């Protein structure tokens, strides 16, 4: 398995693009690995509505869309902080509930910590 972990004292901002229908499952998956835990609070994340575009290529098995055609659909962009040392398990938990063949999950270092 590919390792994403960095210095355990570091924090990362995760950006996850997911259909709105899967937000509740994502919230539970994040809670299960304590992602989005800040101080005396958990489930700390923000989300906004965005429009995603993609074109499935030959060999793809898209959740939505047709191979060879540019597709467009509403999605949510979910943003949260996670300790770098917990990144691997957080990404694994996200993948268990994410419907996309290739989920868009970005980990961005936070300068100065949380």
PDB file of N, CA and C in Angstrom:
ATOM      1  N   UNK A   1       0.848  -1.187   0.000  1.00  0.00           N
ATOM      2  CA  UNK A   1       0.000   0.000   0.000  1.00  0.00           C
ATOM      3  C   UNK A   1       0.884   1.238   0.000  1.00  0.00           C
ATOM      4  N   UNK A   2       0.502   2.207  -0.774  1.00  0.00           N
ATOM      5  CA  UNK A   2       1.227   3.472  -0.852  1.00  0.00           C
ATOM      6  C   UNK A   2       1.065   4.236   0.457  1.00  0.00           C
ATOM      7  N   UNK A   3       2.136   4.801   0.982  1.00  0.00           N
ATOM      8  CA  UNK A   3       2.076   5.537   2.239  1.00  0.00           C
ATOM      9  C   UNK A   3       2.008   7.036   1.970  1.00  0.00           C
ATOM     10  N   UNK A   4       1.021   7.688   2.589  1.00  0.00           N
ATOM     11  CA  UNK A   4       0.849   9.127   2.439  1.00  0.00           C
ATOM     12  C   UNK A   4       1.320   9.874   3.687  1.00  0.00           C
ATOM     13  N   UNK A   5       1.589   9.148   4.762  1.00  0.00           N
ATOM     14  CA  UNK A   5       1.868   9.770   6.055  1.00  0.00           C
ATOM     15  C   UNK A   5       3.138  10.616   6.026  1.00  0.00           C
ATOM     16  N   UNK A   6       3.111  11.668   6.827  1.00  0.00           N
ATOM     17  CA  UNK A   6       4.243  12.566   6.982  1.00  0.00           C
ATOM     18  C   UNK A   6       4.514  12.684   8.484  1.00  0.00           C
ATOM     19  N   UNK A   7       5.261  13.673   8.900  1.00  0.00           N
ATOM     20  CA  UNK A   7       5.520  13.937  10.315  1.00  0.00           C
ATOM     21  C   UNK A   7       4.191  13.951  11.076  1.00  0.00           C
ATOM     22  N   UNK A   8       4.092  13.159  12.154  1.00  0.00           N
ATOM     23  CA  UNK A   8       2.817  13.008  12.858  1.00  0.00           C
ATOM     24  C   UNK A   8       2.315  14.291  13.502  1.00  0.00           C
ATOM     25  N   UNK A   9       3.152  15.304  13.660  1.00  0.00           N
ATOM     26  CA  UNK A   9       2.709  16.571  14.230  1.00  0.00           C
ATOM     27  C   UNK A   9       2.142  17.516  13.173  1.00  0.00           C
ATOM     28  N   UNK A  10       2.278  17.175  11.926  1.00  0.00           N
ATOM     29  CA  UNK A  10       1.810  18.028  10.837  1.00  0.00           C
ATOM     30  C   UNK A  10       0.321  17.809  10.570  1.00  0.00           C
ATOM     31  N   UNK A  11      -0.305  18.823  10.029  1.00  0.00           N
ATOM     32  CA  UNK A  11      -1.708  18.758   9.641  1.00  0.00           C
ATOM     33  C   UNK A  11      -1.820  18.956   8.135  1.00  0.00           C
ATOM     34  N   UNK A  12      -2.842  18.367   7.568  1.00  0.00           N
ATOM     35  CA  UNK A  12      -3.146  18.516   6.151  1.00  0.00           C
ATOM     36  C   UNK A  12      -4.597  18.948   6.000  1.00  0.00           C
ATOM     37  N   UNK A  13      -4.857  19.648   4.939  1.00  0.00           N
ATOM     38  CA  UNK A  13      -6.238  19.955   4.574  1.00  0.00           C
ATOM     39  C   UNK A  13      -6.619  18.952   3.487  1.00  0.00           C
ATOM     40  N   UNK A  14      -7.702  18.231   3.696  1.00  0.00           N
ATOM     41  CA  UNK A  14      -8.216  17.329   2.671  1.00  0.00           C
ATOM     42  C   UNK A  14      -9.323  18.015   1.907  1.00  0.00           C
ATOM     43  N   UNK A  15      -9.322  17.822   0.606  1.00  0.00           N
ATOM     44  CA  UNK A  15     -10.410  18.253  -0.264  1.00  0.00           C
ATOM     45  C   UNK A  15     -10.935  16.996  -0.947  1.00  0.00           C
ATOM     46  N   UNK A  16     -12.213  16.735  -0.792  1.00  0.00           N
ATOM     47  CA  UNK A  16     -12.837  15.533  -1.328  1.00  0.00           C
ATOM     48  C   UNK A  16     -14.028  15.956  -2.170  1.00  0.00           C
ATOM     49  N   UNK A  17     -14.090  15.453  -3.392  1.00  0.00           N
ATOM     50  CA  UNK A  17     -15.222  15.734  -4.266  1.00  0.00           C
ATOM     51  C   UNK A  17     -16.098  14.489  -4.304  1.00  0.00           C
ATOM     52  N   UNK A  18     -17.392  14.654  -3.997  1.00  0.00           N
ATOM     53  CA  UNK A  18     -18.280  13.509  -3.827  1.00  0.00           C
ATOM     54  C   UNK A  18     -19.720  13.921  -4.148  1.00  0.00           C
ATOM     55  N   UNK A  19     -20.549  12.997  -4.639  1.00  0.00           N
ATOM     56  CA  UNK A  19     -21.956  13.344  -4.863  1.00  0.00           C
ATOM     57  C   UNK A  19     -22.647  13.679  -3.529  1.00  0.00           C
ATOM     58  N   UNK A  20     -23.572  14.601  -3.566  1.00  0.00           N
ATOM     59  CA  UNK A  20     -24.289  15.017  -2.357  1.00  0.00           C
ATOM     60  C   UNK A  20     -24.975  13.832  -1.681  1.00  0.00           C
ATOM     61  N   UNK A  21     -25.414  12.867  -2.458  1.00  0.00           N
ATOM     62  CA  UNK A  21     -26.101  11.693  -1.908  1.00  0.00           C
ATOM     63  C   UNK A  21     -25.219  10.877  -0.965  1.00  0.00           C
ATOM     64  N   UNK A  22     -23.922  11.054  -1.020  1.00  0.00           N
ATOM     65  CA  UNK A  22     -22.992  10.263  -0.217  1.00  0.00           C
ATOM     66  C   UNK A  22     -22.391  11.029   0.965  1.00  0.00           C
ATOM     67  N   UNK A  23     -22.893  12.240   1.227  1.00  0.00           N
ATOM     68  CA  UNK A  23     -22.326  13.060   2.307  1.00  0.00           C
ATOM     69  C   UNK A  23     -22.470  12.391   3.672  1.00  0.00           C
ATOM     70  N   UNK A  24     -23.620  11.833   3.980  1.00  0.00           N
ATOM     71  CA  UNK A  24     -23.826  11.181   5.279  1.00  0.00           C
ATOM     72  C   UNK A  24     -22.878  10.011   5.486  1.00  0.00           C
ATOM     73  N   UNK A  25     -22.698   9.189   4.453  1.00  0.00           N
ATOM     74  CA  UNK A  25     -21.767   8.064   4.541  1.00  0.00           C
ATOM     75  C   UNK A  25     -20.336   8.559   4.726  1.00  0.00           C
ATOM     76  N   UNK A  26     -19.983   9.641   4.026  1.00  0.00           N
ATOM     77  CA  UNK A  26     -18.645  10.207   4.168  1.00  0.00           C
ATOM     78  C   UNK A  26     -18.439  10.707   5.589  1.00  0.00           C
ATOM     79  N   UNK A  27     -19.439  11.402   6.147  1.00  0.00           N
ATOM     80  CA  UNK A  27     -19.329  11.912   7.521  1.00  0.00           C
ATOM     81  C   UNK A  27     -19.056  10.758   8.494  1.00  0.00           C
ATOM     82  N   UNK A  28     -19.780   9.662   8.357  1.00  0.00           N
ATOM     83  CA  UNK A  28     -19.582   8.512   9.243  1.00  0.00           C
ATOM     84  C   UNK A  28     -18.197   7.896   9.054  1.00  0.00           C
ATOM     85  N   UNK A  29     -17.739   7.803   7.809  1.00  0.00           N
ATOM     86  CA  UNK A  29     -16.408   7.248   7.540  1.00  0.00           C
ATOM     87  C   UNK A  29     -15.328   8.120   8.171  1.00  0.00           C
ATOM     88  N   UNK A  30     -15.486   9.443   8.069  1.00  0.00           N
ATOM     89  CA  UNK A  30     -14.510  10.360   8.662  1.00  0.00           C
ATOM     90  C   UNK A  30     -14.517  10.245  10.185  1.00  0.00           C
ATOM     91  N   UNK A  31     -15.713  10.136  10.780  1.00  0.00           N
ATOM     92  CA  UNK A  31     -15.813   9.970  12.230  1.00  0.00           C
ATOM     93  C   UNK A  31     -15.136   8.675  12.678  1.00  0.00           C
ATOM     94  N   UNK A  32     -15.241   7.629  11.882  1.00  0.00           N
ATOM     95  CA  UNK A  32     -14.696   6.318  12.264  1.00  0.00           C
ATOM     96  C   UNK A  32     -13.179   6.329  12.404  1.00  0.00           C
ATOM     97  N   UNK A  33     -12.512   7.288  11.759  1.00  0.00           N
ATOM     98  CA  UNK A  33     -11.041   7.394  11.858  1.00  0.00           C
ATOM     99  C   UNK A  33     -10.624   8.702  12.540  1.00  0.00           C
ATOM    100  N   UNK A  34     -11.587   9.374  13.161  1.00  0.00           N
ATOM    101  CA  UNK A  34     -11.343  10.601  13.920  1.00  0.00           C
ATOM    102  C   UNK A  34     -10.813  11.741  13.060  1.00  0.00           C
ATOM    103  N   UNK A  35     -11.122  11.723  11.767  1.00  0.00           N
ATOM    104  CA  UNK A  35     -10.741  12.829  10.880  1.00  0.00           C
ATOM    105  C   UNK A  35     -11.696  13.999  11.110  1.00  0.00           C
ATOM    106  N   UNK A  36     -11.172  15.203  11.066  1.00  0.00           N
ATOM    107  CA  UNK A  36     -11.995  16.380  11.314  1.00  0.00           C
ATOM    108  C   UNK A  36     -12.189  16.654  12.794  1.00  0.00           C
ATOM    109  N   UNK A  37     -11.322  16.078  13.626  1.00  0.00           N
ATOM    110  CA  UNK A  37     -11.379  16.296  15.074  1.00  0.00           C
ATOM    111  C   UNK A  37     -10.483  17.489  15.408  1.00  0.00           C
ATOM    112  N   UNK A  38     -11.076  18.519  15.992  1.00  0.00           N
ATOM    113  CA  UNK A  38     -10.324  19.721  16.356  1.00  0.00           C
ATOM    114  C   UNK A  38     -10.711  20.116  17.781  1.00  0.00           C
ATOM    115  N   UNK A  39      -9.760  20.003  18.691  1.00  0.00           N
ATOM    116  CA  UNK A  39     -10.038  20.349  20.089  1.00  0.00           C
ATOM    117  C   UNK A  39     -11.129  19.456  20.666  1.00  0.00           C
ATOM    118  N   UNK A  40     -12.171  20.075  21.212  1.00  0.00           N
ATOM    119  CA  UNK A  40     -13.284  19.341  21.809  1.00  0.00           C
ATOM    120  C   UNK A  40     -14.431  19.110  20.836  1.00  0.00           C
ATOM    121  N   UNK A  41     -14.134  19.095  19.543  1.00  0.00           N
ATOM    122  CA  UNK A  41     -15.166  18.924  18.516  1.00  0.00           C
ATOM    123  C   UNK A  41     -14.726  17.862  17.520  1.00  0.00           C
ATOM    124  N   UNK A  42     -15.701  17.128  17.005  1.00  0.00           N
ATOM    125  CA  UNK A  42     -15.397  16.255  15.876  1.00  0.00           C
ATOM    126  C   UNK A  42     -16.376  16.588  14.755  1.00  0.00           C
ATOM    127  N   UNK A  43     -16.247  15.895  13.651  1.00  0.00           N
ATOM    128  CA  UNK A  43     -17.082  16.143  12.469  1.00  0.00           C
ATOM    129  C   UNK A  43     -16.927  17.569  11.959  1.00  0.00           C
ATOM    130  N   UNK A  44     -15.738  18.155  12.147  1.00  0.00           N
ATOM    131  CA  UNK A  44     -15.480  19.524  11.707  1.00  0.00           C
ATOM    132  C   UNK A  44     -15.077  19.511  10.240  1.00  0.00           C
ATOM    133  N   UNK A  45     -15.975  19.902   9.387  1.00  0.00           N
ATOM    134  CA  UNK A  45     -15.656  20.058   7.971  1.00  0.00           C
ATOM    135  C   UNK A  45     -16.614  21.039   7.351  1.00  0.00           C
ATOM    136  N   UNK A  46     -16.243  21.516   6.195  1.00  0.00           N
ATOM    137  CA  UNK A  46     -17.099  22.423   5.433  1.00  0.00           C
ATOM    138  C   UNK A  46     -17.338  21.793   4.077  1.00  0.00           C
ATOM    139  N   UNK A  47     -18.463  22.122   3.480  1.00  0.00           N
ATOM    140  CA  UNK A  47     -18.698  21.653   2.123  1.00  0.00           C
ATOM    141  C   UNK A  47     -19.395  22.737   1.323  1.00  0.00           C
ATOM    142  N   UNK A  48     -19.143  22.702   0.043  1.00  0.00           N
ATOM    143  CA  UNK A  48     -19.772  23.649  -0.864  1.00  0.00           C
ATOM    144  C   UNK A  48     -20.175  22.912  -2.134  1.00  0.00           C
ATOM    145  N   UNK A  49     -21.172  23.435  -2.781  1.00  0.00           N
ATOM    146  CA  UNK A  49     -21.637  22.838  -4.030  1.00  0.00           C
ATOM    147  C   UNK A  49     -20.778  23.344  -5.187  1.00  0.00           C
ATOM    148  N   UNK A  50     -20.346  22.404  -6.011  1.00  0.00           N
ATOM    149  CA  UNK A  50     -19.532  22.718  -7.179  1.00  0.00           C
ATOM    150  C   UNK A  50     -20.075  21.923  -8.360  1.00  0.00           C
ATOM    151  N   UNK A  51     -19.563  22.226  -9.536  1.00  0.00           N
ATOM    152  CA  UNK A  51     -19.888  21.438 -10.722  1.00  0.00           C
ATOM    153  C   UNK A  51     -18.614  20.750 -11.186  1.00  0.00           C
ATOM    154  N   UNK A  52     -18.677  19.439 -11.299  1.00  0.00           N
ATOM    155  CA  UNK A  52     -17.527  18.670 -11.758  1.00  0.00           C
ATOM    156  C   UNK A  52     -17.673  18.311 -13.228  1.00  0.00           C
ATOM    157  N   UNK A  53     -16.559  18.212 -13.927  1.00  0.00           N
ATOM    158  CA  UNK A  53     -16.567  17.752 -15.310  1.00  0.00           C
ATOM    159  C   UNK A  53     -15.514  16.664 -15.472  1.00  0.00           C
ATOM    160  N   UNK A  54     -15.773  15.732 -16.386  1.00  0.00           N
ATOM    161  CA  UNK A  54     -14.848  14.627 -16.646  1.00  0.00           C
ATOM    162  C   UNK A  54     -15.250  13.950 -17.941  1.00  0.00           C
ATOM    163  N   UNK A  55     -14.311  13.199 -18.499  1.00  0.00           N
ATOM    164  CA  UNK A  55     -14.602  12.387 -19.677  1.00  0.00           C
ATOM    165  C   UNK A  55     -14.065  10.987 -19.431  1.00  0.00           C
ATOM    166  N   UNK A  56     -14.945  10.009 -19.243  1.00  0.00           N
ATOM    167  CA  UNK A  56     -14.489   8.626 -19.069  1.00  0.00           C
ATOM    168  C   UNK A  56     -13.816   8.137 -20.351  1.00  0.00           C
ATOM    169  N   UNK A  57     -12.635   7.547 -20.186  1.00  0.00           N
ATOM    170  CA  UNK A  57     -11.895   7.009 -21.326  1.00  0.00           C
ATOM    171  C   UNK A  57     -12.165   5.517 -21.478  1.00  0.00           C
ATOM    172  N   UNK A  58     -11.759   4.971 -22.595  1.00  0.00           N
ATOM    173  CA  UNK A  58     -11.938   3.543 -22.858  1.00  0.00           C
ATOM    174  C   UNK A  58     -11.387   2.730 -21.691  1.00  0.00           C
ATOM    175  N   UNK A  59     -12.154   1.770 -21.219  1.00  0.00           N
ATOM    176  CA  UNK A  59     -11.753   0.939 -20.096  1.00  0.00           C
ATOM    177  C   UNK A  59     -12.284   1.441 -18.762  1.00  0.00           C
ATOM    178  N   UNK A  60     -12.848   2.647 -18.738  1.00  0.00           N
ATOM    179  CA  UNK A  60     -13.405   3.202 -17.502  1.00  0.00           C
ATOM    180  C   UNK A  60     -14.749   2.553 -17.191  1.00  0.00           C
ATOM    181  N   UNK A  61     -15.079   2.544 -15.904  1.00  0.00           N
ATOM    182  CA  UNK A  61     -16.379   2.073 -15.434  1.00  0.00           C
ATOM    183  C   UNK A  61     -16.980   3.208 -14.604  1.00  0.00           C
ATOM    184  N   UNK A  62     -17.479   4.258 -15.274  1.00  0.00           N
ATOM    185  CA  UNK A  62     -17.891   5.467 -14.556  1.00  0.00           C
ATOM    186  C   UNK A  62     -19.134   5.272 -13.683  1.00  0.00           C
ATOM    187  N   UNK A  63     -19.125   5.922 -12.532  1.00  0.00           N
ATOM    188  CA  UNK A  63     -20.294   5.987 -11.653  1.00  0.00           C
ATOM    189  C   UNK A  63     -21.432   6.698 -12.381  1.00  0.00           C
ATOM    190  N   UNK A  64     -21.054   7.717 -13.130  1.00  0.00           N
ATOM    191  CA  UNK A  64     -22.012   8.514 -13.887  1.00  0.00           C
ATOM    192  C   UNK A  64     -21.335   8.933 -15.188  1.00  0.00           C
ATOM    193  N   UNK A  65     -22.069   8.982 -16.271  1.00  0.00           N
ATOM    194  CA  UNK A  65     -21.526   9.431 -17.542  1.00  0.00           C
ATOM    195  C   UNK A  65     -21.334   8.297 -18.528  1.00  0.00           C
ATOM    196  N   UNK A  66     -20.924   8.673 -19.723  1.00  0.00           N
ATOM    197  CA  UNK A  66     -20.763   7.736 -20.831  1.00  0.00           C
ATOM    198  C   UNK A  66     -19.327   7.806 -21.329  1.00  0.00           C
ATOM    199  N   UNK A  67     -18.722   6.638 -21.538  1.00  0.00           N
ATOM    200  CA  UNK A  67     -17.346   6.571 -22.034  1.00  0.00           C
ATOM    201  C   UNK A  67     -17.230   7.372 -23.333  1.00  0.00           C
ATOM    202  N   UNK A  68     -16.210   8.229 -23.383  1.00  0.00           N
ATOM    203  CA  UNK A  68     -15.940   9.024 -24.572  1.00  0.00           C
ATOM    204  C   UNK A  68     -16.637  10.373 -24.618  1.00  0.00           C
ATOM    205  N   UNK A  69     -17.569  10.623 -23.702  1.00  0.00           N
ATOM    206  CA  UNK A  69     -18.304  11.891 -23.701  1.00  0.00           C
ATOM    207  C   UNK A  69     -17.940  12.729 -22.485  1.00  0.00           C
ATOM    208  N   UNK A  70     -17.783  14.046 -22.695  1.00  0.00           N
ATOM    209  CA  UNK A  70     -17.555  14.952 -21.571  1.00  0.00           C
ATOM    210  C   UNK A  70     -18.843  15.035 -20.769  1.00  0.00           C
ATOM    211  N   UNK A  71     -18.713  14.846 -19.474  1.00  0.00           N
ATOM    212  CA  UNK A  71     -19.862  14.850 -18.567  1.00  0.00           C
ATOM    213  C   UNK A  71     -19.737  16.010 -17.585  1.00  0.00           C
ATOM    214  N   UNK A  72     -20.851  16.388 -17.031  1.00  0.00           N
ATOM    215  CA  UNK A  72     -20.899  17.477 -16.056  1.00  0.00           C
ATOM    216  C   UNK A  72     -22.007  17.164 -15.060  1.00  0.00           C
ATOM    217  N   UNK A  73     -21.736  17.359 -13.764  1.00  0.00           N
ATOM    218  CA  UNK A  73     -22.749  17.088 -12.742  1.00  0.00           C
ATOM    219  C   UNK A  73     -22.432  17.860 -11.473  1.00  0.00           C
ATOM    220  N   UNK A  74     -23.457  18.129 -10.669  1.00  0.00           N
ATOM    221  CA  UNK A  74     -23.211  18.767  -9.375  1.00  0.00           C
ATOM    222  C   UNK A  74     -22.524  17.792  -8.426  1.00  0.00           C
ATOM    223  N   UNK A  75     -21.629  18.337  -7.593  1.00  0.00           N
ATOM    224  CA  UNK A  75     -20.921  17.569  -6.576  1.00  0.00           C
ATOM    225  C   UNK A  75     -20.781  18.446  -5.341  1.00  0.00           C
ATOM    226  N   UNK A  76     -20.279  17.851  -4.270  1.00  0.00           N
ATOM    227  CA  UNK A  76     -19.875  18.613  -3.100  1.00  0.00           C
ATOM    228  C   UNK A  76     -18.367  18.573  -2.998  1.00  0.00           C
ATOM    229  N   UNK A  77     -17.782  19.691  -2.615  1.00  0.00           N
ATOM    230  CA  UNK A  77     -16.367  19.745  -2.260  1.00  0.00           C
ATOM    231  C   UNK A  77     -16.338  19.812  -0.738  1.00  0.00           C
ATOM    232  N   UNK A  78     -15.804  18.758  -0.110  1.00  0.00           N
ATOM    233  CA  UNK A  78     -15.726  18.667   1.339  1.00  0.00           C
ATOM    234  C   UNK A  78     -14.297  18.989   1.751  1.00  0.00           C
ATOM    235  N   UNK A  79     -14.149  19.867   2.750  1.00  0.00           N
ATOM    236  CA  UNK A  79     -12.831  20.288   3.217  1.00  0.00           C
ATOM    237  C   UNK A  79     -12.733  20.055   4.719  1.00  0.00           C
ATOM    238  N   UNK A  80     -11.604  19.477   5.153  1.00  0.00           N
ATOM    239  CA  UNK A  80     -11.384  19.235   6.570  1.00  0.00           C
ATOM    240  C   UNK A  80      -9.900  19.125   6.853  1.00  0.00           C
ATOM    241  N   UNK A  81      -9.540  19.213   8.130  1.00  0.00           N
ATOM    242  CA  UNK A  81      -8.150  19.038   8.556  1.00  0.00           C
ATOM    243  C   UNK A  81      -7.974  17.640   9.125  1.00  0.00           C
ATOM    244  N   UNK A  82      -6.809  17.068   8.883  1.00  0.00           N
ATOM    245  CA  UNK A  82      -6.478  15.743   9.381  1.00  0.00           C
ATOM    246  C   UNK A  82      -4.994  15.723   9.728  1.00  0.00           C
ATOM    247  N   UNK A  83      -4.650  14.998  10.779  1.00  0.00           N
ATOM    248  CA  UNK A  83      -3.236  14.836  11.121  1.00  0.00           C
ATOM    249  C   UNK A  83      -2.572  14.008  10.032  1.00  0.00           C
ATOM    250  N   UNK A  84      -1.396  14.420   9.626  1.00  0.00           N
ATOM    251  CA  UNK A  84      -0.676  13.725   8.563  1.00  0.00           C
ATOM    252  C   UNK A  84      -0.455  12.251   8.910  1.00  0.00           C
ATOM    253  N   UNK A  85      -0.217  11.960  10.172  1.00  0.00           N
ATOM    254  CA  UNK A  85       0.022  10.579  10.597  1.00  0.00           C
ATOM    255  C   UNK A  85      -1.206   9.697  10.406  1.00  0.00           C
ATOM    256  N   UNK A  86      -2.383  10.296  10.262  1.00  0.00           N
ATOM    257  CA  UNK A  86      -3.624   9.528  10.100  1.00  0.00           C
ATOM    258  C   UNK A  86      -4.140   9.568   8.666  1.00  0.00           C
ATOM    259  N   UNK A  87      -3.329  10.085   7.753  1.00  0.00           N
ATOM    260  CA  UNK A  87      -3.783  10.259   6.381  1.00  0.00           C
ATOM    261  C   UNK A  87      -4.104   8.934   5.688  1.00  0.00           C
ATOM    262  N   UNK A  88      -3.238   7.938   5.836  1.00  0.00           N
ATOM    263  CA  UNK A  88      -3.468   6.655   5.160  1.00  0.00           C
ATOM    264  C   UNK A  88      -4.818   6.049   5.551  1.00  0.00           C
ATOM    265  N   UNK A  89      -5.087   5.982   6.856  1.00  0.00           N
ATOM    266  CA  UNK A  89      -6.346   5.383   7.291  1.00  0.00           C
ATOM    267  C   UNK A  89      -7.545   6.252   6.908  1.00  0.00           C
ATOM    268  N   UNK A  90      -7.345   7.558   6.848  1.00  0.00           N
ATOM    269  CA  UNK A  90      -8.443   8.444   6.447  1.00  0.00           C
ATOM    270  C   UNK A  90      -8.793   8.228   4.983  1.00  0.00           C
ATOM    271  N   UNK A  91      -7.792   8.167   4.122  1.00  0.00           N
ATOM    272  CA  UNK A  91      -8.045   7.923   2.703  1.00  0.00           C
ATOM    273  C   UNK A  91      -8.683   6.552   2.493  1.00  0.00           C
ATOM    274  N   UNK A  92      -8.224   5.551   3.235  1.00  0.00           N
ATOM    275  CA  UNK A  92      -8.820   4.214   3.125  1.00  0.00           C
ATOM    276  C   UNK A  92     -10.301   4.253   3.519  1.00  0.00           C
ATOM    277  N   UNK A  93     -10.631   4.982   4.589  1.00  0.00           N
ATOM    278  CA  UNK A  93     -12.028   5.091   5.023  1.00  0.00           C
ATOM    279  C   UNK A  93     -12.876   5.818   3.979  1.00  0.00           C
ATOM    280  N   UNK A  94     -12.335   6.865   3.388  1.00  0.00           N
ATOM    281  CA  UNK A  94     -13.065   7.606   2.348  1.00  0.00           C
ATOM    282  C   UNK A  94     -13.364   6.686   1.172  1.00  0.00           C
ATOM    283  N   UNK A  95     -12.373   5.911   0.760  1.00  0.00           N
ATOM    284  CA  UNK A  95     -12.545   5.014  -0.390  1.00  0.00           C
ATOM    285  C   UNK A  95     -13.618   3.949  -0.156  1.00  0.00           C
ATOM    286  N   UNK A  96     -13.867   3.571   1.102  1.00  0.00           N
ATOM    287  CA  UNK A  96     -14.890   2.551   1.372  1.00  0.00           C
ATOM    288  C   UNK A  96     -16.300   3.050   1.079  1.00  0.00           C
ATOM    289  N   UNK A  97     -16.517   4.366   1.115  1.00  0.00           N
ATOM    290  CA  UNK A  97     -17.864   4.908   0.892  1.00  0.00           C
ATOM    291  C   UNK A  97     -17.983   5.733  -0.384  1.00  0.00           C
ATOM    292  N   UNK A  98     -16.863   5.998  -1.032  1.00  0.00           N
ATOM    293  CA  UNK A  98     -16.873   6.858  -2.214  1.00  0.00           C
ATOM    294  C   UNK A  98     -17.293   6.053  -3.440  1.00  0.00           C
ATOM    295  N   UNK A  99     -18.258   6.555  -4.217  1.00  0.00           N
ATOM    296  CA  UNK A  99     -18.759   5.775  -5.348  1.00  0.00           C
ATOM    297  C   UNK A  99     -17.915   5.851  -6.616  1.00  0.00           C
ATOM    298  N   UNK A 100     -17.005   6.813  -6.707  1.00  0.00           N
ATOM    299  CA  UNK A 100     -16.266   6.993  -7.950  1.00  0.00           C
ATOM    300  C   UNK A 100     -15.170   5.946  -8.106  1.00  0.00           C
ATOM    301  N   UNK A 101     -14.949   5.536  -9.325  1.00  0.00           N
ATOM    302  CA  UNK A 101     -13.877   4.597  -9.661  1.00  0.00           C
ATOM    303  C   UNK A 101     -12.518   5.194  -9.268  1.00  0.00           C
ATOM    304  N   UNK A 102     -12.342   6.484  -9.524  1.00  0.00           N
ATOM    305  CA  UNK A 102     -11.123   7.204  -9.162  1.00  0.00           C
ATOM    306  C   UNK A 102     -11.533   8.457  -8.385  1.00  0.00           C
ATOM    307  N   UNK A 103     -11.667   8.357  -7.047  1.00  0.00           N
ATOM    308  CA  UNK A 103     -12.098   9.513  -6.267  1.00  0.00           C
ATOM    309  C   UNK A 103     -11.091  10.658  -6.332  1.00  0.00           C
ATOM    310  N   UNK A 104     -11.601  11.882  -6.363  1.00  0.00           N
ATOM    311  CA  UNK A 104     -10.747  13.065  -6.306  1.00  0.00           C
ATOM    312  C   UNK A 104     -10.574  13.428  -4.840  1.00  0.00           C
ATOM    313  N   UNK A 105      -9.382  13.108  -4.297  1.00  0.00           N
ATOM    314  CA  UNK A 105      -9.043  13.398  -2.900  1.00  0.00           C
ATOM    315  C   UNK A 105      -7.686  14.102  -2.923  1.00  0.00           C
ATOM    316  N   UNK A 106      -7.645  15.321  -2.421  1.00  0.00           N
ATOM    317  CA  UNK A 106      -6.404  16.092  -2.416  1.00  0.00           C
ATOM    318  C   UNK A 106      -5.972  16.361  -0.981  1.00  0.00           C
ATOM    319  N   UNK A 107      -4.689  16.179  -0.688  1.00  0.00           N
ATOM    320  CA  UNK A 107      -4.113  16.466   0.606  1.00  0.00           C
ATOM    321  C   UNK A 107      -3.145  17.637   0.450  1.00  0.00           C
ATOM    322  N   UNK A 108      -3.443  18.723   1.144  1.00  0.00           N
ATOM    323  CA  UNK A 108      -2.666  19.953   1.008  1.00  0.00           C
ATOM    324  C   UNK A 108      -2.027  20.263   2.362  1.00  0.00           C
ATOM    325  N   UNK A 109      -0.691  20.413   2.419  1.00  0.00           N
ATOM    326  CA  UNK A 109      -0.038  20.746   3.701  1.00  0.00           C
ATOM    327  C   UNK A 109      -0.535  22.087   4.237  1.00  0.00           C
ATOM    328  N   UNK A 110      -0.684  22.154   5.558  1.00  0.00           N
ATOM    329  CA  UNK A 110      -1.076  23.397   6.218  1.00  0.00           C
ATOM    330  C   UNK A 110       0.177  23.979   6.857  1.00  0.00           C
ATOM    331  N   UNK A 111       0.550  25.167   6.460  1.00  0.00           N
ATOM    332  CA  UNK A 111       1.733  25.828   6.987  1.00  0.00           C
ATOM    333  C   UNK A 111       1.383  26.415   8.361  1.00  0.00           C
ATOM    334  N   UNK A 112       2.171  26.088   9.365  1.00  0.00           N
ATOM    335  CA  UNK A 112       1.935  26.639  10.695  1.00  0.00           C
ATOM    336  C   UNK A 112       1.034  25.806  11.571  1.00  0.00           C
ATOM    337  N   UNK A 113       0.527  24.671  11.080  1.00  0.00           N
ATOM    338  CA  UNK A 113      -0.304  23.780  11.896  1.00  0.00           C
ATOM    339  C   UNK A 113      -1.710  24.281  12.087  1.00  0.00           C
ATOM    340  N   UNK A 114      -2.420  23.586  12.947  1.00  0.00           N
ATOM    341  CA  UNK A 114      -3.826  23.923  13.232  1.00  0.00           C
ATOM    342  C   UNK A 114      -3.911  24.477  14.624  1.00  0.00           C
TER     343      UNK A 114
END
